[in-house]
Amino acid sequence: MHMLNRSDYPILIVEDTDEDFEMIQWALKKLSIKTPIYRCEDGDEALDFLSHRGKYEDRALSPRPALILLDLNLILLNGQEVLTQIKLDDELKMIPVIIWTTSDDPKDIDICFKQGANSYILKPMSSDEVLQAVDLLNQYWFGVVKLPGVAEM
């Protein structure tokens, strides 16, 4: 089941591992999901993107994402710190943040939900599992859920 893909549903993927990012891109392409994808490789870059600072001053290069896929294990500013900054910002806190990580530590899970994460997903290991996870994310977040700040077409 494929949801209507709208170009006004950009996704920001905050992922420092090329392999993991490429797997998500592969799954999106395989599922014919045509939403715009933006990538930041570390927490500082993600906050610059979201706040339109530095190389992201031009809002055309850094549109407000409909959804953020956030790795926890980032260099520099880690995912929990990025999540905290997003959820403390009145302009950003309504953007759904999905933690996409290898950590199944109950402490990490608890902290992320306390800080306002909307979902917590363990990174799938096989390509079939990535495909299934991305398809379910697409169906749920872009099919079932009404997202804030996204105009209906």
Protein backbone atom coordinates (compact mmCIF):
# COMPACT_ATOMS: atom_id res chain seq x y z
CA MET A 1 0.00 0.00 0.00
CA HIS A 2 1.57 3.30 -1.11
CA MET A 3 0.52 6.60 0.33
CA LEU A 4 0.10 9.75 -1.68
CA ASN A 5 3.58 11.26 -1.84
CA ARG A 6 3.58 15.01 -1.65
CA SER A 7 6.55 17.20 -2.41
CA ASP A 8 5.67 19.35 0.61
CA TYR A 9 6.59 16.50 2.97
CA PRO A 10 10.37 16.83 3.24
CA ILE A 11 12.18 14.47 5.58
CA LEU A 12 15.35 15.45 7.41
CA ILE A 13 17.60 12.48 8.09
CA VAL A 14 20.27 13.13 10.69
CA GLU A 15 22.68 10.26 10.11
CA ASP A 16 26.48 10.20 10.18
CA THR A 17 26.93 6.73 8.67
CA ASP A 18 26.89 6.70 4.87
CA GLU A 19 25.83 3.04 4.71
CA ASP A 20 22.77 3.62 6.89
CA PHE A 21 21.75 6.72 4.95
CA GLU A 22 22.19 4.92 1.62
CA MET A 23 19.99 2.03 2.85
CA ILE A 24 17.18 4.47 3.67
CA GLN A 25 17.56 6.14 0.26
CA TRP A 26 17.53 2.73 -1.44
CA ALA A 27 14.33 1.75 0.38
CA LEU A 28 12.61 5.04 -0.49
CA LYS A 29 13.52 4.59 -4.16
CA LYS A 30 12.49 0.92 -4.20
CA LEU A 31 9.11 1.85 -2.69
CA SER A 32 8.70 4.78 -5.14
CA ILE A 33 8.44 7.26 -2.27
CA LYS A 34 9.20 10.61 -3.81
CA THR A 35 9.31 12.90 -0.79
CA PRO A 36 12.29 15.30 -0.69
CA ILE A 37 15.11 14.01 1.52
CA TYR A 38 17.66 16.20 3.25
CA ARG A 39 20.62 14.87 5.19
CA CYS A 40 22.70 16.29 8.00
CA GLU A 41 25.69 14.30 9.18
CA ASP A 42 25.97 15.62 12.72
CA GLY A 43 23.91 17.29 15.42
CA ASP A 44 25.33 20.79 14.94
CA GLU A 45 24.59 20.66 11.22
CA ALA A 46 21.02 19.48 11.94
CA LEU A 47 20.38 22.43 14.26
CA ASP A 48 21.87 24.82 11.66
CA PHE A 49 19.56 23.29 9.03
CA LEU A 50 16.49 23.64 11.25
CA SER A 51 17.39 27.19 12.34
CA HIS A 52 18.54 28.38 8.89
CA ARG A 53 22.03 29.27 10.06
CA GLY A 54 25.37 29.20 8.25
CA LYS A 55 25.25 27.38 4.92
CA TYR A 56 21.49 26.81 5.48
CA GLU A 57 20.49 30.49 5.59
CA ASP A 58 18.68 30.07 2.27
CA ARG A 59 15.35 28.51 3.24
CA ALA A 60 15.09 26.89 -0.19
CA LEU A 61 18.07 24.73 0.83
CA SER A 62 16.62 23.96 4.24
CA PRO A 63 12.82 23.73 4.19
CA ARG A 64 10.96 22.90 7.35
CA PRO A 65 10.82 19.09 7.49
CA ALA A 66 7.52 17.29 7.99
CA LEU A 67 9.46 14.59 9.85
CA ILE A 68 12.93 14.11 11.34
CA LEU A 69 14.70 10.74 11.41
CA LEU A 70 17.40 11.15 14.08
CA ASP A 71 20.29 8.84 14.87
CA LEU A 72 21.39 8.91 18.52
CA ASN A 73 25.05 8.08 18.02
CA LEU A 74 26.26 11.21 16.27
CA ILE A 75 29.64 12.87 16.40
CA LEU A 76 29.89 16.26 18.12
CA LEU A 77 26.36 16.93 19.38
CA ASN A 78 24.62 13.57 19.98
CA GLY A 79 21.04 12.71 19.06
CA GLN A 80 19.66 13.18 22.57
CA GLU A 81 21.10 16.70 22.70
CA VAL A 82 19.65 17.49 19.27
CA LEU A 83 16.26 16.14 20.34
CA THR A 84 16.34 18.31 23.48
CA GLN A 85 17.16 21.44 21.44
CA ILE A 86 14.37 20.70 18.94
CA LYS A 87 11.74 20.10 21.62
CA LEU A 88 12.73 23.24 23.57
CA ASP A 89 12.32 25.45 20.50
CA ASP A 90 8.79 26.84 20.05
CA GLU A 91 9.20 26.91 16.26
CA LEU A 92 10.50 23.34 15.95
CA LYS A 93 8.94 21.32 18.77
CA MET A 94 5.88 20.30 16.75
CA ILE A 95 7.98 18.51 14.11
CA PRO A 96 7.72 14.76 14.78
CA VAL A 97 11.10 13.24 15.65
CA ILE A 98 11.68 9.54 15.12
CA ILE A 99 14.77 8.13 16.81
CA TRP A 100 16.44 5.70 14.38
CA THR A 101 19.29 4.00 16.22
CA THR A 102 21.19 0.85 17.05
CA SER A 103 20.81 1.46 20.81
CA ASP A 104 18.29 -0.76 22.54
CA ASP A 105 19.40 0.50 25.97
CA PRO A 106 16.24 1.05 28.07
CA LYS A 107 17.82 4.22 29.52
CA ASP A 108 18.19 5.71 26.01
CA ILE A 109 14.59 4.80 25.18
CA ASP A 110 13.25 6.35 28.39
CA ILE A 111 15.33 9.53 28.01
CA CYS A 112 14.27 10.02 24.39
CA PHE A 113 10.57 9.70 25.18
CA LYS A 114 10.95 12.00 28.21
CA GLN A 115 12.58 14.55 25.89
CA GLY A 116 9.69 14.38 23.45
CA ALA A 117 10.60 11.74 20.85
CA ASN A 118 7.56 10.64 18.86
CA SER A 119 8.89 7.17 18.07
CA TYR A 120 11.94 5.04 18.80
CA ILE A 121 12.99 2.53 16.17
CA LEU A 122 15.93 0.14 16.21
CA LYS A 123 17.78 0.30 12.92
CA PRO A 124 16.88 -2.75 10.89
CA MET A 125 19.80 -5.01 10.01
CA SER A 126 18.80 -6.55 6.67
CA SER A 127 17.71 -4.82 3.49
CA ASP A 128 14.29 -6.53 3.73
CA GLU A 129 13.82 -5.18 7.25
CA VAL A 130 14.86 -1.66 6.14
CA LEU A 131 12.36 -1.87 3.28
CA GLN A 132 9.58 -2.96 5.63
CA ALA A 133 10.42 -0.27 8.23
CA VAL A 134 10.51 2.53 5.65
CA ASP A 135 7.25 1.33 4.10
CA LEU A 136 5.55 1.28 7.52
CA LEU A 137 6.93 4.75 8.34
CA ASN A 138 5.58 6.05 5.05
CA GLN A 139 2.16 4.49 5.58
CA TYR A 140 1.86 5.72 9.15
CA TRP A 141 3.40 9.21 9.06
CA PHE A 142 2.27 10.20 5.56
CA GLY A 143 -0.91 8.16 5.32
CA VAL A 144 -2.56 7.90 8.72
CA VAL A 145 -1.19 10.85 10.72
CA LYS A 146 -2.13 14.48 10.16
CA LEU A 147 1.15 16.37 10.42
CA PRO A 148 1.42 19.88 11.88
CA GLY A 149 2.49 22.74 9.66
CA VAL A 150 1.93 20.84 6.41
CA ALA A 151 -0.63 22.35 4.05
CA GLU A 152 -3.13 19.99 2.49
CA MET A 153 -3.02 19.75 -1.28
